[in-house]
Amino acid sequence: MADKLEIYGSKTLRQKSKEVNSFDETLIEFGNKLRKLMYEYDGVGIAAPQIGKLIRVIAVDIPNTEKESVVLVNPKIIWTSQETQTDSEGCLSIPDIRAAVNRPLSISVSAFSTNGEQISLEKISGFFARIIQHEMDHLDGILFTDKIDPLKRALLLSKLKKIAKERKSK
């Protein structure tokens, strides 16, 4: 694997990504690479900042399919349900940590494909909606640990510091 995964403690994970303005062969290749890396790292979603690229691009596995995914460029949540759901989340960039995160149960998303075509995902819900929200957070420098109960975060602090310290020593 050529691209190194950014791990907790990386400044890149805390930066806001820039909108994509150029839909060209380079973007198509990047989208394919992001999709491939997501599966190589055994993930269900990955955002460009997680491999050091600060652009608004995510790849998300489509649940209940065999290695089918969608790449979303400049995704925007245009609707959220009032109903929320709390479920356990993990992250490729924060190994071996899972915690309960509350998110809207259903969302609608507007985005573009890597070749510039408009994509609309209407009222998607459950796990698929959760993955997209998690990956979109990465585009704004937000990690799932920022959204967990403060007491739980305090309990995880020593593990998080250890992950950051190990990252620096590599």
Protein backbone atom coordinates (compact mmCIF):
# COMPACT_ATOMS: atom_id res chain seq x y z
CA MET A 1 0.00 0.00 0.00
CA ALA A 2 1.57 3.25 -1.14
CA ASP A 3 -0.59 5.65 0.82
CA LYS A 4 -0.07 5.81 4.55
CA LEU A 5 -3.13 6.10 6.71
CA GLU A 6 -3.21 9.22 8.88
CA ILE A 7 -3.54 8.16 12.52
CA TYR A 8 -5.00 10.01 15.54
CA GLY A 9 -2.64 12.83 16.48
CA SER A 10 -2.02 13.80 12.84
CA LYS A 11 -2.62 17.51 12.20
CA THR A 12 -4.11 16.63 8.80
CA LEU A 13 -7.07 14.92 10.46
CA ARG A 14 -7.98 18.20 12.19
CA GLN A 15 -7.96 20.42 9.09
CA LYS A 16 -10.89 21.44 6.93
CA SER A 17 -10.77 20.08 3.37
CA LYS A 18 -11.11 22.22 0.26
CA GLU A 19 -13.91 21.85 -2.29
CA VAL A 20 -13.01 20.09 -5.52
CA ASN A 21 -13.28 22.37 -8.56
CA SER A 22 -11.62 20.25 -11.23
CA PHE A 23 -13.32 17.07 -12.41
CA ASP A 24 -10.67 15.34 -14.50
CA GLU A 25 -8.82 12.07 -14.97
CA THR A 26 -6.71 12.77 -11.86
CA LEU A 27 -9.86 12.99 -9.71
CA ILE A 28 -11.27 9.79 -11.24
CA GLU A 29 -7.98 7.99 -10.47
CA PHE A 30 -7.98 9.39 -6.93
CA GLY A 31 -11.56 8.20 -6.36
CA ASN A 32 -10.63 4.70 -7.55
CA LYS A 33 -7.57 4.71 -5.30
CA LEU A 34 -9.63 5.83 -2.30
CA ARG A 35 -12.15 3.05 -2.92
CA LYS A 36 -9.35 0.47 -3.26
CA LEU A 37 -7.61 1.64 -0.07
CA MET A 38 -10.88 1.50 1.87
CA TYR A 39 -11.13 -2.22 1.13
CA GLU A 40 -7.39 -2.85 1.63
CA TYR A 41 -7.66 -1.29 5.09
CA ASP A 42 -10.82 -3.36 5.66
CA GLY A 43 -12.99 -0.29 6.17
CA VAL A 44 -16.56 0.61 5.26
CA GLY A 45 -15.68 4.22 4.50
CA ILE A 46 -12.65 6.45 4.05
CA ALA A 47 -12.17 10.17 3.54
CA ALA A 48 -9.40 11.87 1.55
CA PRO A 49 -7.88 13.50 4.69
CA GLN A 50 -7.28 10.02 6.10
CA ILE A 51 -4.64 9.51 3.42
CA GLY A 52 -3.26 13.04 3.70
CA LYS A 53 -5.25 14.74 0.93
CA LEU A 54 -7.28 17.75 2.08
CA ILE A 55 -10.02 17.62 -0.55
CA ARG A 56 -13.74 16.96 -0.07
CA VAL A 57 -13.88 13.37 -1.33
CA ILE A 58 -15.11 10.25 0.48
CA ALA A 59 -15.56 6.61 -0.49
CA VAL A 60 -18.32 4.64 1.21
CA ASP A 61 -19.16 0.95 1.03
CA ILE A 62 -22.74 0.26 -0.01
CA PRO A 63 -24.20 -2.08 2.63
CA ASN A 64 -25.50 -5.49 1.57
CA THR A 65 -23.38 -5.56 -1.59
CA GLU A 66 -20.14 -7.37 -2.27
CA LYS A 67 -17.37 -4.74 -2.45
CA GLU A 68 -19.54 -2.11 -4.10
CA SER A 69 -18.96 1.46 -3.10
CA VAL A 70 -19.71 5.02 -4.03
CA VAL A 71 -17.28 7.94 -4.23
CA LEU A 72 -18.83 11.28 -3.27
CA VAL A 73 -17.19 14.57 -4.22
CA ASN A 74 -18.15 17.76 -2.34
CA PRO A 75 -20.93 15.96 -0.42
CA LYS A 76 -23.49 18.06 1.44
CA ILE A 77 -26.18 16.89 3.82
CA ILE A 78 -29.34 18.65 2.65
CA TRP A 79 -31.82 17.04 5.05
CA THR A 80 -31.69 15.20 8.37
CA SER A 81 -34.42 13.37 10.22
CA GLN A 82 -35.49 14.52 13.66
CA GLU A 83 -35.12 10.91 14.78
CA THR A 84 -31.64 10.01 15.96
CA GLN A 85 -29.88 6.77 16.74
CA THR A 86 -26.95 5.98 19.00
CA ASP A 87 -24.64 3.23 17.79
CA SER A 88 -21.04 2.12 18.17
CA GLU A 89 -18.50 3.62 15.77
CA GLY A 90 -14.86 3.03 15.05
CA CYS A 91 -12.40 4.63 12.65
CA LEU A 92 -9.47 3.47 10.55
CA SER A 93 -7.53 6.47 11.86
CA ILE A 94 -8.24 5.62 15.51
CA PRO A 95 -7.36 1.92 15.75
CA ASP A 96 -8.89 -0.34 18.40
CA ILE A 97 -11.30 2.24 19.81
CA ARG A 98 -15.07 2.12 19.49
CA ALA A 99 -17.65 4.32 21.17
CA ALA A 100 -21.33 5.19 20.98
CA VAL A 101 -22.18 8.18 18.79
CA ASN A 102 -25.61 9.75 18.36
CA ARG A 103 -26.47 10.80 14.79
CA PRO A 104 -29.58 11.51 12.73
CA LEU A 105 -31.12 8.19 11.67
CA SER A 106 -31.86 9.36 8.10
CA ILE A 107 -30.24 11.91 5.80
CA SER A 108 -30.39 13.17 2.23
CA VAL A 109 -27.10 13.96 0.52
CA SER A 110 -26.21 15.96 -2.56
CA ALA A 111 -22.79 15.34 -4.14
CA PHE A 112 -20.95 14.79 -7.39
CA SER A 113 -19.32 11.73 -8.90
CA THR A 114 -15.63 11.93 -9.82
CA ASN A 115 -16.63 12.76 -13.40
CA GLY A 116 -18.82 15.68 -12.28
CA GLU A 117 -22.26 14.08 -12.47
CA GLN A 118 -24.78 15.13 -9.81
CA ILE A 119 -25.57 12.43 -7.21
CA SER A 120 -28.61 12.58 -4.93
CA LEU A 121 -29.05 10.11 -2.10
CA GLU A 122 -32.59 10.63 -0.79
CA LYS A 123 -33.61 9.71 2.75
CA ILE A 124 -31.00 7.02 3.27
CA SER A 125 -30.96 5.59 6.76
CA GLY A 126 -29.32 3.26 9.20
CA PHE A 127 -25.74 2.10 8.78
CA PHE A 128 -25.25 3.66 5.32
CA ALA A 129 -26.35 7.09 6.61
CA ARG A 130 -24.07 6.70 9.65
CA ILE A 131 -21.02 5.88 7.50
CA ILE A 132 -21.59 8.89 5.25
CA GLN A 133 -21.98 11.24 8.23
CA HIS A 134 -18.82 9.83 9.84
CA GLU A 135 -16.77 10.27 6.65
CA MET A 136 -18.17 13.74 5.99
CA ASP A 137 -17.07 14.75 9.50
CA HIS A 138 -13.49 13.96 8.43
CA LEU A 139 -13.80 16.60 5.71
CA ASP A 140 -14.28 19.21 8.45
CA GLY A 141 -11.56 17.93 10.77
CA ILE A 142 -14.05 16.26 13.12
CA LEU A 143 -13.41 12.80 14.58
CA PHE A 144 -16.05 10.51 16.07
CA THR A 145 -14.35 10.88 19.45
CA ASP A 146 -15.37 14.57 19.37
CA LYS A 147 -19.02 13.48 19.36
CA ILE A 148 -19.01 11.00 22.22
CA ASP A 149 -20.11 11.55 25.79
CA PRO A 150 -17.49 13.72 27.60
CA LEU A 151 -17.15 11.18 30.40
CA LYS A 152 -16.51 8.36 27.90
CA ARG A 153 -13.98 10.57 26.08
CA ALA A 154 -12.19 11.24 29.37
CA LEU A 155 -12.00 7.49 29.97
CA LEU A 156 -10.52 6.98 26.48
CA LEU A 157 -8.00 9.82 26.78
CA SER A 158 -5.06 7.67 27.85
CA LYS A 159 -5.67 5.24 24.94
CA LEU A 160 -5.92 8.17 22.50
CA LYS A 161 -2.67 9.69 23.80
CA LYS A 162 -0.98 6.30 23.40
CA ILE A 163 -2.14 6.04 19.77
CA ALA A 164 -0.85 9.56 19.06
CA LYS A 165 2.48 8.81 20.72
CA GLU A 166 2.92 5.56 18.76
CA ARG A 167 2.13 7.42 15.54
CA LYS A 168 4.87 9.95 16.23
CA SER A 169 7.44 7.23 16.92
CA LYS A 170 6.88 5.57 13.50
